[in-house]
Amino acid sequence: MPKKSLSSRIREHILHHIESGDWPPEHQIPAESELMNSFEASRMTVHRVLKELAAEGYIYRRRGLGSFVARRTPRSELLVITDISEEISSRGGQYSCDLKYLSAEPDSPLVSQIFGEGRAGSIARSKVVHMENGLPIQLEDRHVDLRTAPRYLEVDFSITTAHRYLMKAAPLQKAEHELTAVLPNREQQVFLDIGPDEPCLLLRRRTWSRDRLVSYAELLYPGSRFSFGGVFEPKK
């Protein structure tokens, strides 16, 4: 078996500690000088390994401070509607949420545009921040037709989610998605604990049940903390 190169051994050493959990996210990895001494390597070799690991998303580097283990960005299937609490749990994360707003909505241009005019009091609105390991990853701003989901204002968001409740009260028949890139407004910055220049992904979703529009949701994700993806396989 050919002997592994020095750069390969340094890379495997760092990845072993990251993937085993010895070095959790935000952990500062040994300085270049320490790695040089441990492996009797040149600064150029160590620097190249760290640069490659940073490009691959395993670590990030802060000028004057060193290199740190990066948080792996959660990813969601764009064309699949799932419960966010189950999605987070499935990848080993700890789910929690913070209910910011829950009330019947007065007439507004948005309510009239989505659900039709004269719907004051029959549309509920909720704003919930969903968190993974204590880090906000989604702001869910949702409008719900109370004629189809009459007990929505009674939902206890500490024990369930809007998705889970609606799947029981109004089984999903059809969904419509629209994904855009936006910058957050002031309220969204506060709720998600992000700055004004943080690019965000905004997923607008409408869902129908029994041929009636049940829910309109705007799901906002900080771009540095979340991504969307999917796999398409053509029929053979």
Protein backbone atom coordinates (compact mmCIF):
# COMPACT_ATOMS: atom_id res chain seq x y z
CA MET A 1 0.00 0.00 0.00
CA PRO A 2 1.49 3.39 -1.01
CA LYS A 3 2.38 5.71 1.85
CA LYS A 4 -0.08 8.54 2.38
CA SER A 5 1.15 12.02 1.61
CA LEU A 6 1.78 14.46 4.43
CA SER A 7 -1.12 16.68 3.34
CA SER A 8 -3.47 13.66 3.33
CA ARG A 9 -2.47 12.75 6.88
CA ILE A 10 -3.06 16.31 8.11
CA ARG A 11 -6.43 16.41 6.36
CA GLU A 12 -7.52 13.06 7.81
CA HIS A 13 -6.40 14.14 11.28
CA ILE A 14 -8.56 17.26 11.17
CA LEU A 15 -11.59 15.52 9.61
CA HIS A 16 -11.41 12.69 12.15
CA HIS A 17 -11.75 15.14 15.03
CA ILE A 18 -14.60 17.01 13.31
CA GLU A 19 -16.61 13.96 12.24
CA SER A 20 -16.15 12.18 15.58
CA GLY A 21 -17.50 15.22 17.42
CA ASP A 22 -14.25 15.85 19.29
CA TRP A 23 -14.21 19.25 17.65
CA PRO A 24 -17.82 20.53 17.56
CA PRO A 25 -19.03 23.53 15.48
CA GLU A 26 -17.25 26.78 16.42
CA HIS A 27 -14.35 24.85 18.01
CA GLN A 28 -11.01 26.45 17.21
CA ILE A 29 -8.68 23.96 15.56
CA PRO A 30 -4.92 23.98 16.25
CA ALA A 31 -3.00 26.88 14.79
CA GLU A 32 -0.91 26.44 11.65
CA SER A 33 2.26 26.52 13.75
CA GLU A 34 0.96 23.69 15.98
CA LEU A 35 0.09 21.54 12.98
CA MET A 36 3.47 22.28 11.43
CA ASN A 37 5.23 21.05 14.59
CA SER A 38 2.99 18.01 15.07
CA PHE A 39 3.44 16.75 11.51
CA GLU A 40 6.87 18.26 10.78
CA ALA A 41 5.27 19.96 7.80
CA SER A 42 5.97 23.19 5.98
CA ARG A 43 3.69 26.19 6.41
CA MET A 44 2.78 25.92 2.72
CA THR A 45 1.53 22.33 3.15
CA VAL A 46 -0.55 23.13 6.25
CA HIS A 47 -1.92 26.30 4.69
CA ARG A 48 -3.01 24.42 1.56
CA VAL A 49 -4.85 21.76 3.60
CA LEU A 50 -6.71 24.38 5.66
CA LYS A 51 -7.58 26.35 2.54
CA GLU A 52 -9.06 23.24 0.90
CA LEU A 53 -11.08 22.31 4.00
CA ALA A 54 -12.43 25.85 4.17
CA ALA A 55 -13.45 25.72 0.50
CA GLU A 56 -15.29 22.44 1.16
CA GLY A 57 -17.19 23.94 4.09
CA TYR A 58 -15.62 21.95 6.93
CA ILE A 59 -13.94 24.92 8.56
CA TYR A 60 -13.93 28.70 8.27
CA ARG A 61 -11.05 31.07 8.83
CA ARG A 62 -11.05 34.42 10.63
CA ARG A 63 -8.18 36.76 9.91
CA GLY A 64 -5.98 37.18 12.96
CA LEU A 65 -7.92 34.61 15.01
CA GLY A 66 -7.39 31.26 13.32
CA SER A 67 -9.55 28.45 11.92
CA PHE A 68 -12.81 27.15 13.37
CA VAL A 69 -15.10 24.18 12.73
CA ALA A 70 -18.00 25.29 10.53
CA ARG A 71 -21.64 24.52 11.14
CA ARG A 72 -22.95 22.16 8.48
CA THR A 73 -25.80 23.93 6.68
CA PRO A 74 -29.13 22.09 7.04
CA ARG A 75 -30.82 21.27 3.74
CA SER A 76 -34.47 20.72 2.93
CA GLU A 77 -36.11 19.06 -0.05
CA LEU A 78 -37.76 21.87 -1.99
CA LEU A 79 -40.63 19.83 -3.44
CA VAL A 80 -41.40 17.86 -0.28
CA ILE A 81 -43.60 19.23 2.50
CA THR A 82 -42.44 17.95 5.88
CA ASP A 83 -42.87 18.86 9.53
CA ILE A 84 -39.88 21.00 10.47
CA SER A 85 -39.59 19.48 13.96
CA GLU A 86 -39.34 15.98 12.46
CA GLU A 87 -36.93 17.22 9.79
CA ILE A 88 -34.58 18.64 12.42
CA SER A 89 -34.81 15.52 14.59
CA SER A 90 -34.08 13.28 11.60
CA ARG A 91 -30.66 14.87 11.16
CA GLY A 92 -29.85 14.63 14.87
CA GLY A 93 -30.70 18.18 15.85
CA GLN A 94 -32.68 19.44 18.83
CA TYR A 95 -35.89 21.25 17.86
CA SER A 96 -37.42 24.19 19.71
CA CYS A 97 -39.65 27.10 18.74
CA ASP A 98 -40.71 30.55 19.88
CA LEU A 99 -44.28 31.73 19.19
CA LYS A 100 -44.13 35.45 18.39
CA TYR A 101 -47.72 36.15 17.31
CA LEU A 102 -51.10 34.40 17.13
CA SER A 103 -54.36 36.24 16.44
CA ALA A 104 -57.33 36.66 14.12
CA GLU A 105 -56.47 39.02 11.29
CA PRO A 106 -58.35 42.18 10.27
CA ASP A 107 -58.89 42.96 6.61
CA SER A 108 -55.66 43.82 4.85
CA PRO A 109 -54.51 44.01 1.23
CA LEU A 110 -52.67 40.69 1.63
CA VAL A 111 -55.66 38.89 3.18
CA SER A 112 -57.97 40.23 0.46
CA GLN A 113 -55.53 39.27 -2.28
CA ILE A 114 -54.99 35.72 -1.01
CA PHE A 115 -58.37 34.76 0.47
CA GLY A 116 -60.77 37.30 -1.01
CA GLU A 117 -62.47 40.40 0.40
CA GLY A 118 -64.65 40.56 3.50
CA ARG A 119 -62.72 37.95 5.48
CA ALA A 120 -61.99 40.00 8.64
CA GLY A 121 -61.98 37.74 11.70
CA SER A 122 -62.11 34.51 9.70
CA ILE A 123 -58.37 34.41 8.94
CA ALA A 124 -55.83 33.57 11.65
CA ARG A 125 -52.18 34.59 11.55
CA SER A 126 -49.22 33.11 13.38
CA LYS A 127 -45.53 33.93 13.49
CA VAL A 128 -43.23 31.21 14.81
CA VAL A 129 -39.44 31.05 14.94
CA HIS A 130 -38.18 27.48 14.50
CA MET A 131 -34.76 26.68 15.96
CA GLU A 132 -32.21 23.90 15.55
CA ASN A 133 -29.91 23.47 18.55
CA GLY A 134 -30.97 26.91 19.74
CA LEU A 135 -30.15 28.62 16.43
CA PRO A 136 -33.06 30.23 14.50
CA ILE A 137 -33.30 28.67 11.03
CA GLN A 138 -36.85 29.54 9.94
CA LEU A 139 -39.40 32.28 10.54
CA GLU A 140 -42.86 30.94 9.69
CA ASP A 141 -45.41 33.70 8.99
CA ARG A 142 -48.67 31.88 8.25
CA HIS A 143 -52.28 32.84 7.43
CA VAL A 144 -54.95 30.15 7.95
CA ASP A 145 -58.63 30.01 6.94
CA LEU A 146 -60.57 29.39 10.16
CA ARG A 147 -63.53 27.99 8.25
CA THR A 148 -61.40 24.97 7.38
CA ALA A 149 -59.19 24.88 10.48
CA PRO A 150 -61.51 26.37 13.14
CA ARG A 151 -59.31 25.62 16.17
CA TYR A 152 -56.09 27.07 14.81
CA LEU A 153 -56.07 29.91 17.38
CA GLU A 154 -56.09 27.26 20.12
CA VAL A 155 -53.00 25.41 18.88
CA ASP A 156 -50.33 24.95 21.56
CA PHE A 157 -47.14 25.53 19.59
CA SER A 158 -45.03 24.28 22.49
CA ILE A 159 -46.22 20.72 21.78
CA THR A 160 -47.08 20.72 18.07
CA THR A 161 -46.51 22.64 14.84
CA ALA A 162 -48.84 24.37 12.40
CA HIS A 163 -47.98 21.73 9.81
CA ARG A 164 -48.90 18.85 12.10
CA TYR A 165 -52.19 20.45 13.15
CA LEU A 166 -53.23 21.35 9.61
CA MET A 167 -52.43 17.89 8.24
CA LYS A 168 -55.03 16.53 10.67
CA ALA A 169 -57.62 19.33 10.42
CA ALA A 170 -57.37 19.84 6.66
CA PRO A 171 -55.51 16.99 4.89
CA LEU A 172 -53.25 18.28 2.14
CA GLN A 173 -54.69 18.12 -1.37
CA LYS A 174 -52.45 20.47 -3.32
CA ALA A 175 -49.52 22.81 -2.71
CA GLU A 176 -47.92 25.68 -4.60
CA HIS A 177 -44.36 26.92 -4.00
CA GLU A 178 -42.43 30.05 -4.92
CA LEU A 179 -38.80 30.57 -3.82
CA THR A 180 -37.08 33.96 -3.96
CA ALA A 181 -34.03 35.68 -2.45
CA VAL A 182 -34.68 38.69 -0.20
CA LEU A 183 -33.13 40.84 2.50
CA PRO A 184 -34.82 40.76 5.92
CA ASN A 185 -36.84 43.63 7.36
CA ARG A 186 -36.20 44.90 10.88
CA GLU A 187 -38.63 42.53 12.60
CA GLN A 188 -37.25 39.53 10.73
CA GLN A 189 -33.70 40.51 11.69
CA VAL A 190 -34.66 40.56 15.37
CA PHE A 191 -36.64 37.29 15.25
CA LEU A 192 -33.88 35.41 13.39
CA ASP A 193 -30.96 37.15 15.12
CA ILE A 194 -29.34 38.22 11.84
CA GLY A 195 -27.99 41.44 10.36
CA PRO A 196 -29.62 43.65 7.72
CA ASP A 197 -27.26 42.38 5.00
CA GLU A 198 -27.91 38.66 5.58
CA PRO A 199 -29.29 37.19 2.32
CA CYS A 200 -32.41 35.13 3.03
CA LEU A 201 -34.43 32.52 1.17
CA LEU A 202 -38.17 33.20 1.16
CA LEU A 203 -40.44 30.27 0.38
CA ARG A 204 -44.05 31.29 -0.27
CA ARG A 205 -46.40 28.32 0.04
CA ARG A 206 -50.14 27.92 -0.53
CA THR A 207 -51.91 24.72 0.45
CA TRP A 208 -55.39 23.48 -0.41
CA SER A 209 -57.70 20.90 1.16
CA ARG A 210 -61.10 19.78 -0.12
CA ASP A 211 -60.76 22.26 -3.04
CA ARG A 212 -60.39 25.22 -0.66
CA LEU A 213 -57.31 27.34 0.03
CA VAL A 214 -56.43 26.60 3.66
CA SER A 215 -53.08 28.24 4.31
CA TYR A 216 -50.70 30.83 2.94
CA ALA A 217 -47.24 30.77 4.54
CA GLU A 218 -44.09 32.82 4.08
CA LEU A 219 -41.14 30.77 5.33
CA LEU A 220 -37.96 32.82 5.74
CA TYR A 221 -34.56 31.13 6.08
CA PRO A 222 -31.18 32.84 6.72
CA GLY A 223 -29.08 31.98 3.68
CA SER A 224 -25.98 31.20 5.75
CA ARG A 225 -27.87 28.64 7.87
CA PHE A 226 -30.05 26.78 5.37
CA SER A 227 -30.22 25.49 1.81
CA PHE A 228 -32.67 23.73 -0.48
CA GLY A 229 -31.98 20.84 -2.80
CA GLY A 230 -33.36 17.71 -4.34
CA VAL A 231 -32.72 14.80 -6.64
CA PHE A 232 -34.57 14.18 -9.88
CA GLU A 233 -34.48 10.82 -11.59
CA PRO A 234 -36.21 10.59 -14.99
CA LYS A 235 -38.46 7.65 -15.66
CA LYS A 236 -36.77 4.87 -17.58
